[in-house]
């Protein structure tokens, strides 16, 4: 904790706070500490218990993802209110845990929009990699009915799922694009130079173009 405190930088904190993250530790330096420590599950648990954002990010990097129980991960997600901690926990820990599918289903139906956004993130992963058994048309129904008025983090996660369905599943592409065009979610979101817009119709078109180019290369 003393080492993390020594890495605190006011300028880094100012940038992170604009994205809702309350820490000032450069992530490259955080990863360097994790590389030195390697996997240490007991340390990861103790770091998580500090309730410090930088410490929790480090905990995620040094933990053993498969060591957590289902209820532990559920509690951790509900505690992870900082966006970066929430994102890393889902992507670096939950996705590698044997309880991921059970949690995906439970979180997708949760009344807390931040928790539900984790369910949508896990669903997006399945849309891309293991779509068998998913009701993709049903997911589009939910997106069409609820995304526009959803809270920001949930709306972002639903939009990602919408785009991924359109990118990966040609038979549903026209419908996914149509939903995006009608709802106009993230249509005016400022994309950095060289980055693809998160507006679903643009995102879908660009990724499909890249896939087609790769096939003909």
C-alpha atoms as a PDB file:
ATOM      1  CA  UNK A   1       0.000   0.000   0.000  1.00  0.00           C
ATOM      2  CA  UNK A   2       2.917   2.342   0.720  1.00  0.00           C
ATOM      3  CA  UNK A   3       4.376   1.576  -2.691  1.00  0.00           C
ATOM      4  CA  UNK A   4       1.057   2.340  -4.378  1.00  0.00           C
ATOM      5  CA  UNK A   5       0.711   5.562  -2.401  1.00  0.00           C
ATOM      6  CA  UNK A   6       4.167   6.638  -3.561  1.00  0.00           C
ATOM      7  CA  UNK A   7       3.063   6.212  -7.187  1.00  0.00           C
ATOM      8  CA  UNK A   8       0.079   8.525  -6.758  1.00  0.00           C
ATOM      9  CA  UNK A   9       0.222  11.331  -9.328  1.00  0.00           C
ATOM     10  CA  UNK A  10      -2.212  14.282  -9.209  1.00  0.00           C
ATOM     11  CA  UNK A  11      -2.319  14.644 -13.005  1.00  0.00           C
ATOM     12  CA  UNK A  12      -3.079  10.944 -13.472  1.00  0.00           C
ATOM     13  CA  UNK A  13      -5.799  11.191 -10.832  1.00  0.00           C
ATOM     14  CA  UNK A  14      -7.353  14.179 -12.586  1.00  0.00           C
ATOM     15  CA  UNK A  15      -7.548  12.242 -15.862  1.00  0.00           C
ATOM     16  CA  UNK A  16      -8.953   9.143 -14.164  1.00  0.00           C
ATOM     17  CA  UNK A  17     -11.537  11.098 -12.197  1.00  0.00           C
ATOM     18  CA  UNK A  18     -13.017  12.386 -15.447  1.00  0.00           C
ATOM     19  CA  UNK A  19     -13.865   8.731 -16.163  1.00  0.00           C
ATOM     20  CA  UNK A  20     -15.175   8.026 -12.664  1.00  0.00           C
ATOM     21  CA  UNK A  21     -12.040   6.309 -11.310  1.00  0.00           C
ATOM     22  CA  UNK A  22     -10.705   7.572  -7.982  1.00  0.00           C
ATOM     23  CA  UNK A  23      -7.001   6.733  -8.197  1.00  0.00           C
ATOM     24  CA  UNK A  24      -3.852   8.377  -9.500  1.00  0.00           C
ATOM     25  CA  UNK A  25      -1.589   5.421 -10.255  1.00  0.00           C
ATOM     26  CA  UNK A  26      -0.307   4.968 -13.796  1.00  0.00           C
ATOM     27  CA  UNK A  27      -1.594   1.612 -15.052  1.00  0.00           C
ATOM     28  CA  UNK A  28       1.717   0.754 -16.692  1.00  0.00           C
ATOM     29  CA  UNK A  29       3.446   1.069 -13.325  1.00  0.00           C
ATOM     30  CA  UNK A  30       0.676  -0.936 -11.703  1.00  0.00           C
ATOM     31  CA  UNK A  31       1.211  -3.744 -14.216  1.00  0.00           C
ATOM     32  CA  UNK A  32       4.968  -3.639 -13.541  1.00  0.00           C
ATOM     33  CA  UNK A  33       4.309  -4.245  -9.824  1.00  0.00           C
ATOM     34  CA  UNK A  34       1.973  -7.113 -10.698  1.00  0.00           C
ATOM     35  CA  UNK A  35       4.613  -8.649 -12.953  1.00  0.00           C
ATOM     36  CA  UNK A  36       7.098  -8.553 -10.106  1.00  0.00           C
ATOM     37  CA  UNK A  37       4.661 -10.026  -7.581  1.00  0.00           C
ATOM     38  CA  UNK A  38       3.285 -12.677  -9.938  1.00  0.00           C
ATOM     39  CA  UNK A  39       0.223 -14.671  -8.804  1.00  0.00           C
ATOM     40  CA  UNK A  40      -0.526 -14.359  -5.090  1.00  0.00           C
ATOM     41  CA  UNK A  41      -4.124 -15.190  -4.235  1.00  0.00           C
ATOM     42  CA  UNK A  42      -3.894 -14.436  -0.514  1.00  0.00           C
ATOM     43  CA  UNK A  43      -2.323 -11.044  -1.197  1.00  0.00           C
ATOM     44  CA  UNK A  44      -5.004 -10.352  -3.809  1.00  0.00           C
ATOM     45  CA  UNK A  45      -7.749 -10.977  -1.249  1.00  0.00           C
ATOM     46  CA  UNK A  46      -6.088  -8.662   1.271  1.00  0.00           C
ATOM     47  CA  UNK A  47      -5.589  -5.940  -1.330  1.00  0.00           C
ATOM     48  CA  UNK A  48      -9.244  -6.173  -2.342  1.00  0.00           C
ATOM     49  CA  UNK A  49     -10.340  -5.781   1.274  1.00  0.00           C
ATOM     50  CA  UNK A  50      -8.621  -2.380   1.512  1.00  0.00           C
ATOM     51  CA  UNK A  51     -11.409  -0.835  -0.610  1.00  0.00           C
ATOM     52  CA  UNK A  52      -8.703   1.235  -2.350  1.00  0.00           C
ATOM     53  CA  UNK A  53      -9.163   1.467  -6.125  1.00  0.00           C
ATOM     54  CA  UNK A  54      -5.479   1.124  -7.072  1.00  0.00           C
ATOM     55  CA  UNK A  55      -5.085  -1.782  -4.641  1.00  0.00           C
ATOM     56  CA  UNK A  56      -8.137  -3.508  -6.089  1.00  0.00           C
ATOM     57  CA  UNK A  57      -6.776  -3.154  -9.612  1.00  0.00           C
ATOM     58  CA  UNK A  58      -3.522  -4.715  -8.440  1.00  0.00           C
ATOM     59  CA  UNK A  59      -5.496  -7.473  -6.696  1.00  0.00           C
ATOM     60  CA  UNK A  60      -7.165  -8.327 -10.000  1.00  0.00           C
ATOM     61  CA  UNK A  61      -3.768  -8.581 -11.701  1.00  0.00           C
ATOM     62  CA  UNK A  62      -2.203 -10.911  -9.104  1.00  0.00           C
ATOM     63  CA  UNK A  63      -5.203 -13.076  -8.213  1.00  0.00           C
ATOM     64  CA  UNK A  64      -6.006 -16.603  -9.334  1.00  0.00           C
ATOM     65  CA  UNK A  65      -9.343 -16.152 -11.182  1.00  0.00           C
ATOM     66  CA  UNK A  66     -10.523 -19.724 -10.761  1.00  0.00           C
ATOM     67  CA  UNK A  67     -10.000 -19.601  -6.981  1.00  0.00           C
ATOM     68  CA  UNK A  68     -13.055 -17.427  -6.303  1.00  0.00           C
ATOM     69  CA  UNK A  69     -16.439 -18.876  -5.460  1.00  0.00           C
ATOM     70  CA  UNK A  70     -19.642 -17.772  -7.128  1.00  0.00           C
ATOM     71  CA  UNK A  71     -20.863 -15.764  -4.125  1.00  0.00           C
ATOM     72  CA  UNK A  72     -17.453 -14.147  -3.664  1.00  0.00           C
ATOM     73  CA  UNK A  73     -17.491 -12.830  -7.218  1.00  0.00           C
ATOM     74  CA  UNK A  74     -21.063 -11.622  -6.876  1.00  0.00           C
ATOM     75  CA  UNK A  75     -20.137  -9.664  -3.745  1.00  0.00           C
ATOM     76  CA  UNK A  76     -16.965  -8.299  -5.347  1.00  0.00           C
ATOM     77  CA  UNK A  77     -18.850  -7.038  -8.382  1.00  0.00           C
ATOM     78  CA  UNK A  78     -21.383  -5.241  -6.214  1.00  0.00           C
ATOM     79  CA  UNK A  79     -18.521  -3.580  -4.335  1.00  0.00           C
ATOM     80  CA  UNK A  80     -16.680  -2.600  -7.530  1.00  0.00           C
ATOM     81  CA  UNK A  81     -18.246   0.767  -8.221  1.00  0.00           C
ATOM     82  CA  UNK A  82     -15.189   2.346  -9.892  1.00  0.00           C
ATOM     83  CA  UNK A  83     -15.596   1.726 -13.657  1.00  0.00           C
ATOM     84  CA  UNK A  84     -12.041   0.447 -14.180  1.00  0.00           C
ATOM     85  CA  UNK A  85     -12.279  -2.002 -11.272  1.00  0.00           C
ATOM     86  CA  UNK A  86     -15.657  -3.202 -12.545  1.00  0.00           C
ATOM     87  CA  UNK A  87     -14.333  -3.640 -16.090  1.00  0.00           C
ATOM     88  CA  UNK A  88     -11.145  -5.434 -15.063  1.00  0.00           C
ATOM     89  CA  UNK A  89     -12.972  -7.700 -12.628  1.00  0.00           C
ATOM     90  CA  UNK A  90     -15.371  -8.867 -15.339  1.00  0.00           C
ATOM     91  CA  UNK A  91     -12.763  -9.230 -18.079  1.00  0.00           C
ATOM     92  CA  UNK A  92      -9.750 -10.523 -16.162  1.00  0.00           C
ATOM     93  CA  UNK A  93     -11.407 -12.578 -13.447  1.00  0.00           C
ATOM     94  CA  UNK A  94     -15.071 -13.487 -14.006  1.00  0.00           C
ATOM     95  CA  UNK A  95     -14.622 -14.516 -17.647  1.00  0.00           C
ATOM     96  CA  UNK A  96     -11.959 -17.026 -16.536  1.00  0.00           C
ATOM     97  CA  UNK A  97     -13.980 -18.399 -13.630  1.00  0.00           C
ATOM     98  CA  UNK A  98     -16.057 -21.620 -13.837  1.00  0.00           C
ATOM     99  CA  UNK A  99     -19.092 -19.738 -12.477  1.00  0.00           C
ATOM    100  CA  UNK A 100     -19.078 -17.192 -15.320  1.00  0.00           C
ATOM    101  CA  UNK A 101     -22.167 -18.521 -17.098  1.00  0.00           C
ATOM    102  CA  UNK A 102     -24.219 -18.796 -13.910  1.00  0.00           C
ATOM    103  CA  UNK A 103     -23.265 -15.249 -12.988  1.00  0.00           C
ATOM    104  CA  UNK A 104     -23.990 -14.011 -16.506  1.00  0.00           C
ATOM    105  CA  UNK A 105     -27.581 -15.206 -16.298  1.00  0.00           C
ATOM    106  CA  UNK A 106     -28.106 -13.861 -12.772  1.00  0.00           C
ATOM    107  CA  UNK A 107     -26.539 -10.476 -13.435  1.00  0.00           C
ATOM    108  CA  UNK A 108     -28.369  -9.978 -16.721  1.00  0.00           C
ATOM    109  CA  UNK A 109     -31.658  -9.989 -14.784  1.00  0.00           C
ATOM    110  CA  UNK A 110     -30.413  -7.902 -11.840  1.00  0.00           C
ATOM    111  CA  UNK A 111     -32.275  -4.712 -10.950  1.00  0.00           C
ATOM    112  CA  UNK A 112     -29.014  -2.833 -10.332  1.00  0.00           C
ATOM    113  CA  UNK A 113     -28.013  -1.376 -13.730  1.00  0.00           C
ATOM    114  CA  UNK A 114     -24.298  -1.543 -12.929  1.00  0.00           C
ATOM    115  CA  UNK A 115     -24.581  -5.238 -12.068  1.00  0.00           C
ATOM    116  CA  UNK A 116     -26.756  -5.804 -15.128  1.00  0.00           C
ATOM    117  CA  UNK A 117     -24.079  -4.186 -17.289  1.00  0.00           C
ATOM    118  CA  UNK A 118     -21.699  -6.971 -16.218  1.00  0.00           C
ATOM    119  CA  UNK A 119     -24.286  -9.511 -17.357  1.00  0.00           C
ATOM    120  CA  UNK A 120     -24.424  -7.826 -20.734  1.00  0.00           C
ATOM    121  CA  UNK A 121     -20.621  -7.767 -20.977  1.00  0.00           C
ATOM    122  CA  UNK A 122     -20.502 -11.519 -20.376  1.00  0.00           C
ATOM    123  CA  UNK A 123     -23.303 -12.002 -22.888  1.00  0.00           C
ATOM    124  CA  UNK A 124     -21.350 -10.040 -25.497  1.00  0.00           C
ATOM    125  CA  UNK A 125     -18.438 -12.414 -24.936  1.00  0.00           C
ATOM    126  CA  UNK A 126     -20.722 -15.364 -25.641  1.00  0.00           C
ATOM    127  CA  UNK A 127     -22.215 -13.689 -28.719  1.00  0.00           C
ATOM    128  CA  UNK A 128     -18.724 -13.533 -30.192  1.00  0.00           C
ATOM    129  CA  UNK A 129     -17.277 -16.850 -29.035  1.00  0.00           C
ATOM    130  CA  UNK A 130     -20.020 -19.276 -27.945  1.00  0.00           C
ATOM    131  CA  UNK A 131     -23.379 -18.145 -29.316  1.00  0.00           C
ATOM    132  CA  UNK A 132     -25.019 -21.598 -29.290  1.00  0.00           C
ATOM    133  CA  UNK A 133     -27.947 -21.557 -26.892  1.00  0.00           C
ATOM    134  CA  UNK A 134     -28.319 -17.778 -26.858  1.00  0.00           C
ATOM    135  CA  UNK A 135     -31.576 -16.222 -28.038  1.00  0.00           C
ATOM    136  CA  UNK A 136     -29.940 -13.563 -30.195  1.00  0.00           C
ATOM    137  CA  UNK A 137     -33.230 -12.265 -31.577  1.00  0.00           C
ATOM    138  CA  UNK A 138     -34.529 -12.015 -28.017  1.00  0.00           C
ATOM    139  CA  UNK A 139     -31.467 -10.028 -26.990  1.00  0.00           C
ATOM    140  CA  UNK A 140     -32.162  -7.611 -29.840  1.00  0.00           C
ATOM    141  CA  UNK A 141     -35.755  -7.298 -28.602  1.00  0.00           C
ATOM    142  CA  UNK A 142     -34.484  -6.234 -25.162  1.00  0.00           C
ATOM    143  CA  UNK A 143     -31.942  -3.819 -26.628  1.00  0.00           C
ATOM    144  CA  UNK A 144     -34.590  -2.247 -28.847  1.00  0.00           C
ATOM    145  CA  UNK A 145     -36.992  -1.792 -25.954  1.00  0.00           C
ATOM    146  CA  UNK A 146     -34.628  -0.728 -23.169  1.00  0.00           C
ATOM    147  CA  UNK A 147     -31.263   0.579 -24.371  1.00  0.00           C
ATOM    148  CA  UNK A 148     -32.166   4.183 -25.187  1.00  0.00           C
ATOM    149  CA  UNK A 149     -33.415   4.945 -21.666  1.00  0.00           C
ATOM    150  CA  UNK A 150     -30.924   2.772 -19.765  1.00  0.00           C
ATOM    151  CA  UNK A 151     -28.387   4.363 -17.350  1.00  0.00           C
ATOM    152  CA  UNK A 152     -25.022   5.156 -19.011  1.00  0.00           C
ATOM    153  CA  UNK A 153     -22.977   2.069 -18.091  1.00  0.00           C
ATOM    154  CA  UNK A 154     -25.809  -0.317 -18.855  1.00  0.00           C
ATOM    155  CA  UNK A 155     -26.545   1.505 -22.108  1.00  0.00           C
ATOM    156  CA  UNK A 156     -22.898   1.222 -23.147  1.00  0.00           C
ATOM    157  CA  UNK A 157     -22.849  -2.531 -22.423  1.00  0.00           C
ATOM    158  CA  UNK A 158     -26.092  -3.128 -24.317  1.00  0.00           C
ATOM    159  CA  UNK A 159     -24.796  -1.127 -27.265  1.00  0.00           C
ATOM    160  CA  UNK A 160     -21.646  -3.263 -27.346  1.00  0.00           C
ATOM    161  CA  UNK A 161     -23.791  -6.397 -27.445  1.00  0.00           C
ATOM    162  CA  UNK A 162     -25.925  -4.916 -30.236  1.00  0.00           C
ATOM    163  CA  UNK A 163     -22.831  -4.162 -32.301  1.00  0.00           C
ATOM    164  CA  UNK A 164     -21.317  -7.585 -31.674  1.00  0.00           C
ATOM    165  CA  UNK A 165     -24.489  -9.347 -32.816  1.00  0.00           C
ATOM    166  CA  UNK A 166     -24.429  -7.291 -36.015  1.00  0.00           C
ATOM    167  CA  UNK A 167     -20.736  -7.966 -36.589  1.00  0.00           C
ATOM    168  CA  UNK A 168     -20.747 -11.700 -35.912  1.00  0.00           C
ATOM    169  CA  UNK A 169     -24.156 -12.803 -37.199  1.00  0.00           C
ATOM    170  CA  UNK A 170     -24.911 -11.843 -40.791  1.00  0.00           C
ATOM    171  CA  UNK A 171     -28.524 -13.008 -40.608  1.00  0.00           C
ATOM    172  CA  UNK A 172     -29.280 -10.459 -37.886  1.00  0.00           C
ATOM    173  CA  UNK A 173     -27.008  -7.701 -39.195  1.00  0.00           C
ATOM    174  CA  UNK A 174     -29.684  -5.641 -40.953  1.00  0.00           C
ATOM    175  CA  UNK A 175     -31.895  -5.691 -37.870  1.00  0.00           C
ATOM    176  CA  UNK A 176     -29.007  -4.723 -35.568  1.00  0.00           C
ATOM    177  CA  UNK A 177     -28.069  -1.827 -37.843  1.00  0.00           C
ATOM    178  CA  UNK A 178     -31.712  -0.744 -38.025  1.00  0.00           C
ATOM    179  CA  UNK A 179     -32.055  -0.716 -34.243  1.00  0.00           C
ATOM    180  CA  UNK A 180     -28.907   1.352 -33.958  1.00  0.00           C
ATOM    181  CA  UNK A 181     -30.110   3.831 -36.560  1.00  0.00           C
ATOM    182  CA  UNK A 182     -33.505   4.257 -34.903  1.00  0.00           C
ATOM    183  CA  UNK A 183     -32.233   4.638 -31.337  1.00  0.00           C
ATOM    184  CA  UNK A 184     -29.188   6.775 -32.256  1.00  0.00           C
ATOM    185  CA  UNK A 185     -27.400   5.746 -29.038  1.00  0.00           C
ATOM    186  CA  UNK A 186     -23.808   7.115 -29.017  1.00  0.00           C
ATOM    187  CA  UNK A 187     -24.324   8.570 -32.485  1.00  0.00           C
ATOM    188  CA  UNK A 188     -22.551  11.773 -31.499  1.00  0.00           C
ATOM    189  CA  UNK A 189     -19.950  10.182 -29.226  1.00  0.00           C
ATOM    190  CA  UNK A 190     -16.536  11.754 -29.976  1.00  0.00           C
ATOM    191  CA  UNK A 191     -14.199   9.076 -31.326  1.00  0.00           C
ATOM    192  CA  UNK A 192     -10.477   9.773 -31.197  1.00  0.00           C
ATOM    193  CA  UNK A 193      -8.515   9.939 -34.440  1.00  0.00           C
ATOM    194  CA  UNK A 194      -7.937   6.453 -35.785  1.00  0.00           C
ATOM    195  CA  UNK A 195     -10.618   4.921 -33.551  1.00  0.00           C
ATOM    196  CA  UNK A 196     -13.947   3.501 -34.688  1.00  0.00           C
ATOM    197  CA  UNK A 197     -17.117   5.219 -33.493  1.00  0.00           C
ATOM    198  CA  UNK A 198     -19.101   3.253 -30.867  1.00  0.00           C
ATOM    199  CA  UNK A 199     -22.306   4.142 -32.768  1.00  0.00           C
ATOM    200  CA  UNK A 200     -23.484   0.635 -33.643  1.00  0.00           C
ATOM    201  CA  UNK A 201     -24.193   1.064 -37.401  1.00  0.00           C
ATOM    202  CA  UNK A 202     -20.761   2.612 -37.977  1.00  0.00           C
ATOM    203  CA  UNK A 203     -19.039   0.086 -35.710  1.00  0.00           C
ATOM    204  CA  UNK A 204     -20.703  -2.859 -37.437  1.00  0.00           C
ATOM    205  CA  UNK A 205     -19.913  -1.581 -40.933  1.00  0.00           C
ATOM    206  CA  UNK A 206     -16.250  -0.984 -40.126  1.00  0.00           C
ATOM    207  CA  UNK A 207     -15.654  -4.350 -38.440  1.00  0.00           C
ATOM    208  CA  UNK A 208     -17.411  -6.248 -41.238  1.00  0.00           C
ATOM    209  CA  UNK A 209     -15.317  -4.337 -43.755  1.00  0.00           C
ATOM    210  CA  UNK A 210     -12.158  -5.398 -41.934  1.00  0.00           C
ATOM    211  CA  UNK A 211     -13.294  -9.015 -41.799  1.00  0.00           C
ATOM    212  CA  UNK A 212     -14.020  -9.032 -45.526  1.00  0.00           C
ATOM    213  CA  UNK A 213     -10.658  -7.418 -46.265  1.00  0.00           C
ATOM    214  CA  UNK A 214      -8.878 -10.037 -44.194  1.00  0.00           C
ATOM    215  CA  UNK A 215     -10.611 -12.834 -46.111  1.00  0.00           C
ATOM    216  CA  UNK A 216      -9.510 -11.467 -49.473  1.00  0.00           C
ATOM    217  CA  UNK A 217      -5.984 -10.582 -48.421  1.00  0.00           C
END
